[in-house]
């Protein structure tokens, strides 16, 4: 009986860990997409700053303790007309000492005005 309960507890913890990792990945992806949407609409003056601010604001609102030690990086490729927002962080772990990193990225075209 003790072996059965140990295996059942291990399976339960594995399911909870997978759910936490999946949720942290979704929060990171949503932050990257929010930054992308915000950066595309700020115009040519502050694309990277606007995208980074919006992504960090989303993480402050929704990240909580599920996604910690977050890092937002924004890359603007004006020649190709692309904006890339990458969000990385550490997911909450049910097993102490294990570090699970999550990294998501959103890429989209910059809005341009035709003459």
N, C-alpha and C. Protein backbone atom coordinates (compact mmCIF):
# COMPACT_ATOMS: atom_id res chain seq x y z
N UNK A 1 0.82 -1.18 0.00
CA UNK A 1 0.00 0.00 0.00
C UNK A 1 0.87 1.26 0.00
N UNK A 2 1.97 1.23 0.73
CA UNK A 2 2.85 2.40 0.78
C UNK A 2 3.46 2.68 -0.58
N UNK A 3 3.81 1.65 -1.32
CA UNK A 3 4.37 1.86 -2.67
C UNK A 3 3.32 2.43 -3.61
N UNK A 4 2.11 1.97 -3.47
CA UNK A 4 1.03 2.47 -4.33
C UNK A 4 0.76 3.95 -4.07
N UNK A 5 0.70 4.34 -2.78
CA UNK A 5 0.48 5.74 -2.45
C UNK A 5 1.64 6.61 -2.91
N UNK A 6 2.85 6.12 -2.82
CA UNK A 6 4.01 6.89 -3.28
C UNK A 6 3.95 7.13 -4.78
N UNK A 7 3.59 6.10 -5.52
CA UNK A 7 3.47 6.24 -6.98
C UNK A 7 2.32 7.18 -7.34
N UNK A 8 1.21 7.08 -6.62
CA UNK A 8 0.07 7.95 -6.88
C UNK A 8 0.42 9.41 -6.58
N UNK A 9 1.12 9.66 -5.50
CA UNK A 9 1.55 11.01 -5.16
C UNK A 9 2.52 11.56 -6.20
N UNK A 10 3.44 10.73 -6.66
CA UNK A 10 4.39 11.16 -7.70
C UNK A 10 3.66 11.51 -8.99
N UNK A 11 2.67 10.73 -9.37
CA UNK A 11 1.88 11.03 -10.58
C UNK A 11 1.10 12.32 -10.41
N UNK A 12 0.53 12.52 -9.24
CA UNK A 12 -0.22 13.74 -8.98
C UNK A 12 0.69 14.97 -9.05
N UNK A 13 1.86 14.89 -8.45
CA UNK A 13 2.81 16.01 -8.52
C UNK A 13 3.28 16.27 -9.95
N UNK A 14 3.45 15.22 -10.73
CA UNK A 14 3.85 15.39 -12.13
C UNK A 14 2.76 16.11 -12.92
N UNK A 15 1.51 15.76 -12.69
CA UNK A 15 0.40 16.42 -13.38
C UNK A 15 0.33 17.89 -12.99
N UNK A 16 0.49 18.19 -11.72
CA UNK A 16 0.47 19.58 -11.25
C UNK A 16 1.63 20.36 -11.85
N UNK A 17 2.81 19.75 -11.93
CA UNK A 17 3.98 20.44 -12.49
C UNK A 17 3.78 20.74 -13.98
N UNK A 18 3.24 19.80 -14.71
CA UNK A 18 2.98 20.02 -16.14
C UNK A 18 1.97 21.14 -16.32
N UNK A 19 0.95 21.18 -15.48
CA UNK A 19 -0.05 22.25 -15.56
C UNK A 19 0.56 23.61 -15.26
N UNK A 20 1.41 23.69 -14.24
CA UNK A 20 2.08 24.94 -13.91
C UNK A 20 3.01 25.40 -15.03
N UNK A 21 3.72 24.48 -15.62
CA UNK A 21 4.62 24.81 -16.72
C UNK A 21 3.84 25.30 -17.94
N UNK A 22 2.74 24.65 -18.22
CA UNK A 22 1.89 25.06 -19.34
C UNK A 22 1.30 26.45 -19.10
N UNK A 23 0.84 26.70 -17.91
CA UNK A 23 0.26 28.01 -17.58
C UNK A 23 1.32 29.10 -17.66
N UNK A 24 2.52 28.85 -17.15
CA UNK A 24 3.60 29.83 -17.22
C UNK A 24 3.96 30.13 -18.68
N UNK A 25 3.96 29.11 -19.52
CA UNK A 25 4.22 29.32 -20.94
C UNK A 25 3.15 30.17 -21.59
N UNK A 26 1.89 29.96 -21.20
CA UNK A 26 0.80 30.75 -21.75
C UNK A 26 0.88 32.21 -21.30
N UNK A 27 1.27 32.45 -20.04
CA UNK A 27 1.44 33.81 -19.55
C UNK A 27 2.57 34.51 -20.31
N UNK A 28 3.67 33.80 -20.54
CA UNK A 28 4.79 34.38 -21.27
C UNK A 28 4.40 34.70 -22.71
N UNK A 29 3.67 33.81 -23.37
CA UNK A 29 3.23 34.04 -24.74
C UNK A 29 2.25 35.21 -24.81
N UNK A 30 1.34 35.30 -23.86
CA UNK A 30 0.39 36.41 -23.84
C UNK A 30 1.10 37.73 -23.62
N UNK A 31 2.11 37.75 -22.78
CA UNK A 31 2.89 38.98 -22.56
C UNK A 31 3.63 39.38 -23.83
N UNK A 32 4.22 38.41 -24.52
CA UNK A 32 4.92 38.71 -25.77
C UNK A 32 3.96 39.24 -26.82
N UNK A 33 2.78 38.65 -26.93
CA UNK A 33 1.79 39.11 -27.90
C UNK A 33 1.26 40.49 -27.54
N UNK A 34 1.08 40.76 -26.26
CA UNK A 34 0.63 42.08 -25.83
C UNK A 34 1.69 43.13 -26.15
N UNK A 35 2.94 42.80 -25.91
CA UNK A 35 4.02 43.72 -26.26
C UNK A 35 4.10 43.96 -27.75
N UNK A 36 3.88 42.92 -28.53
CA UNK A 36 3.90 43.05 -29.99
C UNK A 36 2.79 43.98 -30.46
N UNK A 37 1.59 43.79 -29.94
CA UNK A 37 0.46 44.65 -30.31
C UNK A 37 0.74 46.10 -29.93
N UNK A 38 1.27 46.31 -28.75
CA UNK A 38 1.55 47.68 -28.30
C UNK A 38 2.68 48.33 -29.06
N UNK A 39 3.70 47.57 -29.39
CA UNK A 39 4.85 48.13 -30.10
C UNK A 39 4.54 48.49 -31.54
N UNK A 40 3.67 47.74 -32.15
CA UNK A 40 3.33 48.01 -33.55
C UNK A 40 2.55 49.30 -33.69
N UNK A 41 1.85 49.72 -32.65
CA UNK A 41 1.01 50.91 -32.74
C UNK A 41 1.65 52.18 -32.23
N UNK A 42 2.87 52.14 -31.76
CA UNK A 42 3.49 53.33 -31.20
C UNK A 42 4.16 54.21 -32.24
N UNK A 43 4.22 53.81 -33.48
CA UNK A 43 4.86 54.62 -34.51
C UNK A 43 6.36 54.42 -34.53
N UNK A 44 7.03 55.20 -35.32
CA UNK A 44 8.46 55.01 -35.55
C UNK A 44 9.35 55.54 -34.44
N UNK A 45 8.80 56.31 -33.50
CA UNK A 45 9.67 56.95 -32.52
C UNK A 45 10.10 56.03 -31.39
N UNK A 46 9.20 55.23 -30.84
CA UNK A 46 9.55 54.42 -29.67
C UNK A 46 8.93 53.03 -29.77
N UNK A 47 9.24 52.31 -30.81
CA UNK A 47 8.67 50.98 -31.02
C UNK A 47 9.14 50.01 -29.95
N UNK A 48 10.45 49.92 -29.76
CA UNK A 48 11.01 48.95 -28.81
C UNK A 48 10.61 49.28 -27.38
N UNK A 49 10.65 50.55 -27.02
CA UNK A 49 10.29 50.95 -25.66
C UNK A 49 8.83 50.69 -25.34
N UNK A 50 7.95 50.98 -26.30
CA UNK A 50 6.53 50.72 -26.10
C UNK A 50 6.22 49.25 -25.98
N UNK A 51 6.86 48.44 -26.82
CA UNK A 51 6.63 46.99 -26.77
C UNK A 51 7.12 46.42 -25.44
N UNK A 52 8.28 46.86 -24.99
CA UNK A 52 8.82 46.34 -23.74
C UNK A 52 7.96 46.77 -22.56
N UNK A 53 7.52 48.01 -22.55
CA UNK A 53 6.66 48.49 -21.47
C UNK A 53 5.36 47.69 -21.39
N UNK A 54 4.73 47.47 -22.55
CA UNK A 54 3.46 46.74 -22.55
C UNK A 54 3.63 45.29 -22.09
N UNK A 55 4.70 44.64 -22.52
CA UNK A 55 4.95 43.26 -22.10
C UNK A 55 5.22 43.20 -20.59
N UNK A 56 6.02 44.13 -20.08
CA UNK A 56 6.32 44.14 -18.65
C UNK A 56 5.09 44.48 -17.83
N UNK A 57 4.23 45.37 -18.34
CA UNK A 57 2.99 45.69 -17.63
C UNK A 57 2.08 44.47 -17.55
N UNK A 58 1.99 43.72 -18.65
CA UNK A 58 1.18 42.50 -18.63
C UNK A 58 1.73 41.50 -17.63
N UNK A 59 3.04 41.33 -17.60
CA UNK A 59 3.64 40.40 -16.64
C UNK A 59 3.40 40.83 -15.20
N UNK A 60 3.42 42.13 -14.96
CA UNK A 60 3.17 42.62 -13.60
C UNK A 60 1.73 42.33 -13.18
N UNK A 61 0.80 42.41 -14.14
CA UNK A 61 -0.61 42.15 -13.82
C UNK A 61 -0.91 40.66 -13.72
N UNK A 62 -0.37 39.86 -14.63
CA UNK A 62 -0.81 38.47 -14.75
C UNK A 62 0.23 37.43 -14.32
N UNK A 63 1.48 37.83 -14.20
CA UNK A 63 2.54 36.86 -13.92
C UNK A 63 2.44 36.22 -12.55
N UNK A 64 2.21 37.03 -11.54
CA UNK A 64 2.10 36.52 -10.18
C UNK A 64 3.32 35.72 -9.77
N UNK A 65 3.11 34.61 -9.10
CA UNK A 65 4.22 33.76 -8.67
C UNK A 65 4.45 32.60 -9.63
N UNK A 66 3.61 32.49 -10.66
CA UNK A 66 3.75 31.38 -11.60
C UNK A 66 4.95 31.59 -12.52
N UNK A 67 5.22 32.83 -12.90
CA UNK A 67 6.34 33.15 -13.78
C UNK A 67 7.17 34.24 -13.12
N UNK A 68 8.37 33.89 -12.67
CA UNK A 68 9.23 34.83 -11.96
C UNK A 68 10.53 35.01 -12.73
N UNK A 69 11.32 35.96 -12.28
CA UNK A 69 12.62 36.28 -12.90
C UNK A 69 12.46 36.48 -14.40
N UNK A 70 11.48 37.29 -14.76
CA UNK A 70 11.18 37.48 -16.17
C UNK A 70 12.15 38.43 -16.84
N UNK A 71 12.33 38.22 -18.11
CA UNK A 71 13.20 39.06 -18.93
C UNK A 71 12.51 39.27 -20.27
N UNK A 72 12.35 40.54 -20.64
CA UNK A 72 11.70 40.89 -21.91
C UNK A 72 12.75 41.51 -22.82
N UNK A 73 12.86 40.98 -24.03
CA UNK A 73 13.77 41.58 -25.00
C UNK A 73 13.00 41.86 -26.28
N UNK A 74 13.28 43.02 -26.85
CA UNK A 74 12.59 43.47 -28.05
C UNK A 74 13.62 43.75 -29.14
N UNK A 75 13.35 43.24 -30.34
CA UNK A 75 14.23 43.46 -31.48
C UNK A 75 13.40 44.06 -32.62
N UNK A 76 13.89 45.16 -33.16
CA UNK A 76 13.23 45.80 -34.28
C UNK A 76 14.12 45.67 -35.51
N UNK A 77 13.59 45.06 -36.55
CA UNK A 77 14.30 44.94 -37.82
C UNK A 77 13.58 45.83 -38.82
N UNK A 78 14.04 47.09 -38.92
CA UNK A 78 13.35 48.06 -39.77
C UNK A 78 13.47 47.70 -41.25
N UNK A 79 14.58 47.10 -41.64
CA UNK A 79 14.77 46.75 -43.05
C UNK A 79 13.75 45.70 -43.50
N UNK A 80 13.51 44.70 -42.66
CA UNK A 80 12.54 43.65 -43.00
C UNK A 80 11.13 44.02 -42.54
N UNK A 81 11.01 45.06 -41.70
CA UNK A 81 9.71 45.47 -41.20
C UNK A 81 9.14 44.53 -40.16
N UNK A 82 10.02 43.98 -39.29
CA UNK A 82 9.58 43.02 -38.28
C UNK A 82 9.86 43.51 -36.86
N UNK A 83 8.96 43.17 -35.98
CA UNK A 83 9.13 43.41 -34.55
C UNK A 83 9.08 42.06 -33.86
N UNK A 84 10.06 41.80 -33.00
CA UNK A 84 10.16 40.51 -32.30
C UNK A 84 10.23 40.79 -30.80
N UNK A 85 9.29 40.19 -30.05
CA UNK A 85 9.25 40.35 -28.59
C UNK A 85 9.43 38.97 -27.98
N UNK A 86 10.45 38.83 -27.13
CA UNK A 86 10.75 37.55 -26.49
C UNK A 86 10.63 37.71 -24.98
N UNK A 87 9.90 36.80 -24.37
CA UNK A 87 9.70 36.81 -22.91
C UNK A 87 10.24 35.50 -22.36
N UNK A 88 11.12 35.60 -21.38
CA UNK A 88 11.68 34.41 -20.73
C UNK A 88 11.51 34.57 -19.22
N UNK A 89 11.40 33.44 -18.54
CA UNK A 89 11.26 33.48 -17.09
C UNK A 89 11.37 32.09 -16.51
N UNK A 90 11.19 32.02 -15.21
CA UNK A 90 11.26 30.76 -14.48
C UNK A 90 9.87 30.38 -13.99
N UNK A 91 9.45 29.18 -14.32
CA UNK A 91 8.13 28.70 -13.90
C UNK A 91 8.19 28.20 -12.47
N UNK A 92 7.06 28.28 -11.79
CA UNK A 92 6.93 27.77 -10.44
C UNK A 92 7.12 26.25 -10.44
N UNK A 93 7.89 25.76 -9.48
CA UNK A 93 8.17 24.33 -9.42
C UNK A 93 7.65 23.75 -8.11
N UNK A 94 7.05 22.57 -8.18
CA UNK A 94 6.56 21.91 -6.97
C UNK A 94 7.69 21.14 -6.28
N UNK A 95 8.77 20.89 -6.99
CA UNK A 95 9.93 20.21 -6.41
C UNK A 95 11.01 21.26 -6.16
N UNK A 96 11.40 21.48 -4.92
CA UNK A 96 12.41 22.50 -4.62
C UNK A 96 13.75 22.18 -5.30
N UNK A 97 14.40 23.23 -5.77
CA UNK A 97 15.72 23.07 -6.36
C UNK A 97 15.72 22.84 -7.86
N UNK A 98 14.57 22.60 -8.45
CA UNK A 98 14.49 22.40 -9.89
C UNK A 98 14.09 23.72 -10.54
N UNK A 99 14.87 24.16 -11.52
CA UNK A 99 14.59 25.41 -12.21
C UNK A 99 14.04 25.09 -13.60
N UNK A 100 12.83 25.50 -13.85
CA UNK A 100 12.18 25.26 -15.15
C UNK A 100 12.04 26.59 -15.87
N UNK A 101 12.76 26.75 -16.96
CA UNK A 101 12.71 28.00 -17.71
C UNK A 101 11.68 27.91 -18.82
N UNK A 102 11.04 29.03 -19.05
CA UNK A 102 10.02 29.17 -20.08
C UNK A 102 10.44 30.31 -20.98
N UNK A 103 10.34 30.11 -22.28
CA UNK A 103 10.69 31.16 -23.23
C UNK A 103 9.69 31.14 -24.38
N UNK A 104 9.05 32.28 -24.61
CA UNK A 104 8.09 32.40 -25.70
C UNK A 104 8.40 33.66 -26.50
N UNK A 105 8.00 33.65 -27.77
CA UNK A 105 8.33 34.76 -28.66
C UNK A 105 7.15 35.06 -29.57
N UNK A 106 6.94 36.35 -29.83
CA UNK A 106 5.92 36.78 -30.78
C UNK A 106 6.59 37.66 -31.82
N UNK A 107 6.29 37.41 -33.10
CA UNK A 107 6.89 38.14 -34.21
C UNK A 107 5.77 38.65 -35.10
N UNK A 108 5.90 39.92 -35.50
CA UNK A 108 4.89 40.49 -36.39
C UNK A 108 5.46 41.62 -37.20
N UNK A 109 4.76 41.97 -38.25
CA UNK A 109 5.18 43.05 -39.13
C UNK A 109 4.88 44.41 -38.54
N UNK A 110 5.74 45.38 -38.87
CA UNK A 110 5.52 46.76 -38.44
C UNK A 110 4.52 47.43 -39.37
N UNK A 111 3.74 48.30 -38.81
CA UNK A 111 2.79 49.05 -39.63
C UNK A 111 3.54 50.13 -40.39
N UNK A 112 3.26 50.24 -41.64
CA UNK A 112 3.91 51.25 -42.47
C UNK A 112 2.83 52.08 -43.18
N UNK A 113 3.15 53.34 -43.39
CA UNK A 113 2.24 54.23 -44.11
C UNK A 113 2.78 54.39 -45.52
N UNK A 114 1.95 54.09 -46.50
CA UNK A 114 2.36 54.22 -47.90
C UNK A 114 2.14 55.65 -48.35
N UNK A 115 3.11 56.18 -49.12
CA UNK A 115 2.94 57.56 -49.60
C UNK A 115 1.92 57.67 -50.70
